[in-house]
C-alpha cells in the first residue's frame, strides 16, 4: 500500500482525486489536510513520511510554498517526491515551486479524464519505480 498525502482546500478537487485514486492500479492510501498549517502539523508528526506529497499552492493558513519550504528543510522528507498540483498556470509559480524543491508542477486540468491522466502520469513517475 502506497501512502499519498494531499494538501488541498477545495472539496471538489479532493473528491476528484479520491475518485481517480480509486481507479489507479496500485493500492494508494490518501491522507488529506484542508489547509497548509494542518498539512504541516500532520506531516511533521508522522513517524514515517508518505510515499508522495501533493500540494496546492493557494491554501488557507499557510500556502503550498510555505509547506514545501518547511518540509524540504526536514531531512526525513529529502527523498519524498513533492508535486505541486494547482490551478495556477503562472510561469513564476512553476519556477518558484521547482526552486523550492518540488519534483514536479502540474496544473489541474478541467476535465476528469485530463485530471486523471495527469495524476496517473505523476504517480507512474514517482510510485511505480518503487513497486518494482
Protein backbone atom coordinates (compact mmCIF):
# COMPACT_ATOMS: atom_id res chain seq x y z
CA UNK A 1 0.00 0.00 0.00
CA UNK A 2 1.37 3.37 -1.01
CA UNK A 3 0.68 6.49 1.02
CA UNK A 4 -0.09 9.79 -0.67
CA UNK A 5 -0.52 12.99 1.31
CA UNK A 6 -2.68 15.72 -0.22
CA UNK A 7 -2.84 19.33 0.98
CA UNK A 8 -5.91 20.80 -0.74
CA UNK A 9 -8.67 23.14 0.41
CA UNK A 10 -11.11 22.64 -2.47
CA UNK A 11 -13.60 19.87 -1.69
CA UNK A 12 -14.37 19.24 -5.37
CA UNK A 13 -10.68 18.73 -6.16
CA UNK A 14 -10.33 16.35 -3.20
CA UNK A 15 -13.31 14.34 -4.45
CA UNK A 16 -11.86 14.17 -7.99
CA UNK A 17 -8.54 12.97 -6.67
CA UNK A 18 -10.21 10.34 -4.47
CA UNK A 19 -12.21 9.06 -7.47
CA UNK A 20 -9.11 8.93 -9.64
CA UNK A 21 -7.08 7.09 -6.99
CA UNK A 22 -9.85 4.52 -6.57
CA UNK A 23 -9.27 3.54 -10.22
CA UNK A 24 -5.47 3.55 -10.07
CA UNK A 25 -3.96 0.06 -10.50
CA UNK A 26 -1.75 0.27 -7.39
CA UNK A 27 -3.25 0.47 -3.88
CA UNK A 28 -2.99 4.01 -2.52
CA UNK A 29 -3.99 5.31 0.90
CA UNK A 30 -4.80 9.02 0.84
CA UNK A 31 -4.41 11.42 3.75
CA UNK A 32 -5.89 14.91 3.28
CA UNK A 33 -5.22 18.22 5.00
CA UNK A 34 -7.53 21.08 4.04
CA UNK A 35 -5.12 23.91 4.86
CA UNK A 36 -1.37 24.48 4.90
CA UNK A 37 -0.99 24.68 8.67
CA UNK A 38 -2.80 21.38 9.19
CA UNK A 39 -0.68 19.83 6.43
CA UNK A 40 2.50 20.78 8.28
CA UNK A 41 1.15 19.52 11.60
CA UNK A 42 0.22 16.14 10.12
CA UNK A 43 3.36 15.73 8.04
CA UNK A 44 5.80 16.68 10.79
CA UNK A 45 4.04 14.46 13.35
CA UNK A 46 4.26 11.33 11.16
CA UNK A 47 6.61 8.55 12.17
CA UNK A 48 7.45 7.79 8.55
CA UNK A 49 6.98 10.11 5.62
CA UNK A 50 4.39 9.36 2.91
CA UNK A 51 5.47 7.96 -0.43
CA UNK A 52 4.37 11.17 -2.16
CA UNK A 53 3.11 14.64 -1.25
CA UNK A 54 0.70 16.61 -3.45
CA UNK A 55 0.41 20.32 -2.61
CA UNK A 56 -1.96 23.00 -3.78
CA UNK A 57 -0.37 26.46 -3.84
CA UNK A 58 -3.26 28.62 -2.65
CA UNK A 59 -4.50 27.34 0.71
CA UNK A 60 -5.67 28.96 3.93
CA UNK A 61 -3.34 29.47 6.92
CA UNK A 62 -0.17 28.54 5.00
CA UNK A 63 0.50 28.40 1.28
CA UNK A 64 1.77 25.37 -0.57
CA UNK A 65 5.08 27.24 -0.98
CA UNK A 66 5.40 27.56 2.80
CA UNK A 67 4.60 23.87 3.29
CA UNK A 68 7.07 22.92 0.56
CA UNK A 69 9.88 25.02 2.06
CA UNK A 70 9.33 23.68 5.59
CA UNK A 71 9.05 20.05 4.53
CA UNK A 72 12.11 20.23 2.25
CA UNK A 73 14.14 21.62 5.18
CA UNK A 74 13.42 18.42 7.15
CA UNK A 75 15.85 15.60 6.22
CA UNK A 76 13.13 12.96 6.72
CA UNK A 77 11.45 14.23 3.55
CA UNK A 78 14.56 14.51 1.36
CA UNK A 79 13.59 11.54 -0.83
CA UNK A 80 9.82 12.09 -0.84
CA UNK A 81 8.54 13.28 -4.21
CA UNK A 82 6.59 16.52 -3.83
CA UNK A 83 4.28 17.61 -6.63
CA UNK A 84 2.59 20.97 -6.81
CA UNK A 85 -0.94 20.19 -8.04
CA UNK A 86 -2.55 23.56 -8.64
CA UNK A 87 -4.87 25.63 -10.78
CA UNK A 88 -2.04 28.11 -11.38
CA UNK A 89 -0.68 28.45 -14.89
CA UNK A 90 1.80 31.16 -13.94
CA UNK A 91 5.39 30.60 -15.04
CA UNK A 92 6.54 32.32 -11.82
CA UNK A 93 4.70 29.73 -9.71
CA UNK A 94 6.24 26.87 -11.69
CA UNK A 95 9.73 28.37 -11.33
CA UNK A 96 9.29 29.08 -7.61
CA UNK A 97 7.98 25.55 -6.98
CA UNK A 98 10.94 23.90 -8.63
CA UNK A 99 13.44 26.28 -6.99
CA UNK A 100 11.95 25.49 -3.56
CA UNK A 101 12.36 21.76 -4.13
CA UNK A 102 9.21 20.45 -5.82
CA UNK A 103 9.80 17.49 -8.11
CA UNK A 104 7.02 18.48 -10.49
CA UNK A 105 4.43 21.18 -11.16
CA UNK A 106 1.08 20.08 -12.57
CA UNK A 107 -1.72 22.45 -13.50
CA UNK A 108 -5.06 20.84 -12.66
CA UNK A 109 -6.90 20.11 -15.90
CA UNK A 110 -10.58 20.98 -16.11
CA UNK A 111 -11.95 17.63 -17.31
CA UNK A 112 -11.96 14.49 -15.17
CA UNK A 113 -10.23 12.46 -17.90
CA UNK A 114 -7.44 15.01 -18.28
CA UNK A 115 -7.14 15.32 -14.49
CA UNK A 116 -6.90 11.53 -14.14
CA UNK A 117 -4.34 11.29 -16.94
CA UNK A 118 -2.18 14.00 -15.33
CA UNK A 119 -2.43 12.39 -11.89
CA UNK A 120 -1.60 8.92 -13.21
CA UNK A 121 1.43 10.29 -15.06
CA UNK A 122 2.73 11.75 -11.79
CA UNK A 123 2.01 8.55 -9.86
CA UNK A 124 3.57 6.38 -12.57
CA UNK A 125 6.72 8.51 -12.48
CA UNK A 126 7.11 8.57 -8.70
CA UNK A 127 5.34 5.47 -7.29
CA UNK A 128 5.74 2.80 -9.95
CA UNK A 129 9.55 2.69 -9.69
CA UNK A 130 9.11 1.74 -6.00
CA UNK A 131 6.73 -1.08 -6.97
CA UNK A 132 9.44 -2.95 -8.88
